[in-house]
Protein backbone atom coordinates (compact mmCIF):
# COMPACT_ATOMS: atom_id res chain seq x y z
CA MET A 1 15.53 23.00 23.62
CA GLU A 2 12.23 21.15 22.36
CA ALA A 3 11.58 17.89 22.82
CA ARG A 4 9.11 15.75 20.11
CA GLY A 5 8.68 12.50 21.42
CA ALA A 6 9.33 9.93 18.73
CA GLU A 7 10.08 11.41 15.62
CA LYS A 8 13.72 10.61 14.19
CA GLU A 9 15.24 11.74 10.82
CA TRP A 10 16.56 8.10 8.88
CA LYS A 11 19.10 8.09 6.47
CA CYS A 12 16.59 6.71 3.64
CA PRO A 13 15.72 5.68 0.31
CA PRO A 14 17.96 3.72 -0.57
CA HIS A 15 17.63 0.90 1.80
CA PHE A 16 20.93 -1.40 3.16
CA TRP A 17 18.65 -4.73 3.15
CA MET A 18 19.87 -7.46 5.71
CA ILE A 19 18.23 -10.69 4.95
CA ASP A 20 18.05 -13.77 7.29
CA SER A 21 17.79 -17.22 6.32
CA ASN A 22 13.25 -17.29 6.04
CA ASN A 23 14.01 -14.20 3.42
CA VAL A 24 13.02 -11.93 5.35
CA GLY A 25 14.63 -8.80 4.91
CA ARG A 26 15.12 -5.73 7.63
CA CYS A 27 16.84 -2.21 6.63
CA LYS A 28 20.05 -1.81 7.94
CA TYR A 29 19.24 2.33 8.95
CA CYS A 30 15.40 2.50 9.70
CA PRO A 31 12.36 0.34 10.46
CA ALA A 32 11.15 -0.83 7.50
CA VAL A 33 10.32 -4.25 6.75
CA LYS A 34 10.47 -6.53 3.30
CA ASP A 35 8.70 -10.56 2.50
CA PHE A 36 11.83 -10.64 -0.36
CA GLY A 37 10.41 -14.68 -0.48
CA LYS A 38 7.52 -13.75 -2.48
CA LEU A 39 10.03 -12.50 -5.09
CA LEU A 40 11.25 -16.13 -5.75
CA ARG A 41 8.14 -17.12 -5.80
């Protein structure tokens, strides 16, 4: 077996956004982060 370190295959896109009360979305399946507050302005 070969160790590959930090490489990992994500299930994205499409992202599954979980948006908190500060309008910051984090994907459920990968480390992607998006500021949805900018879209509301």
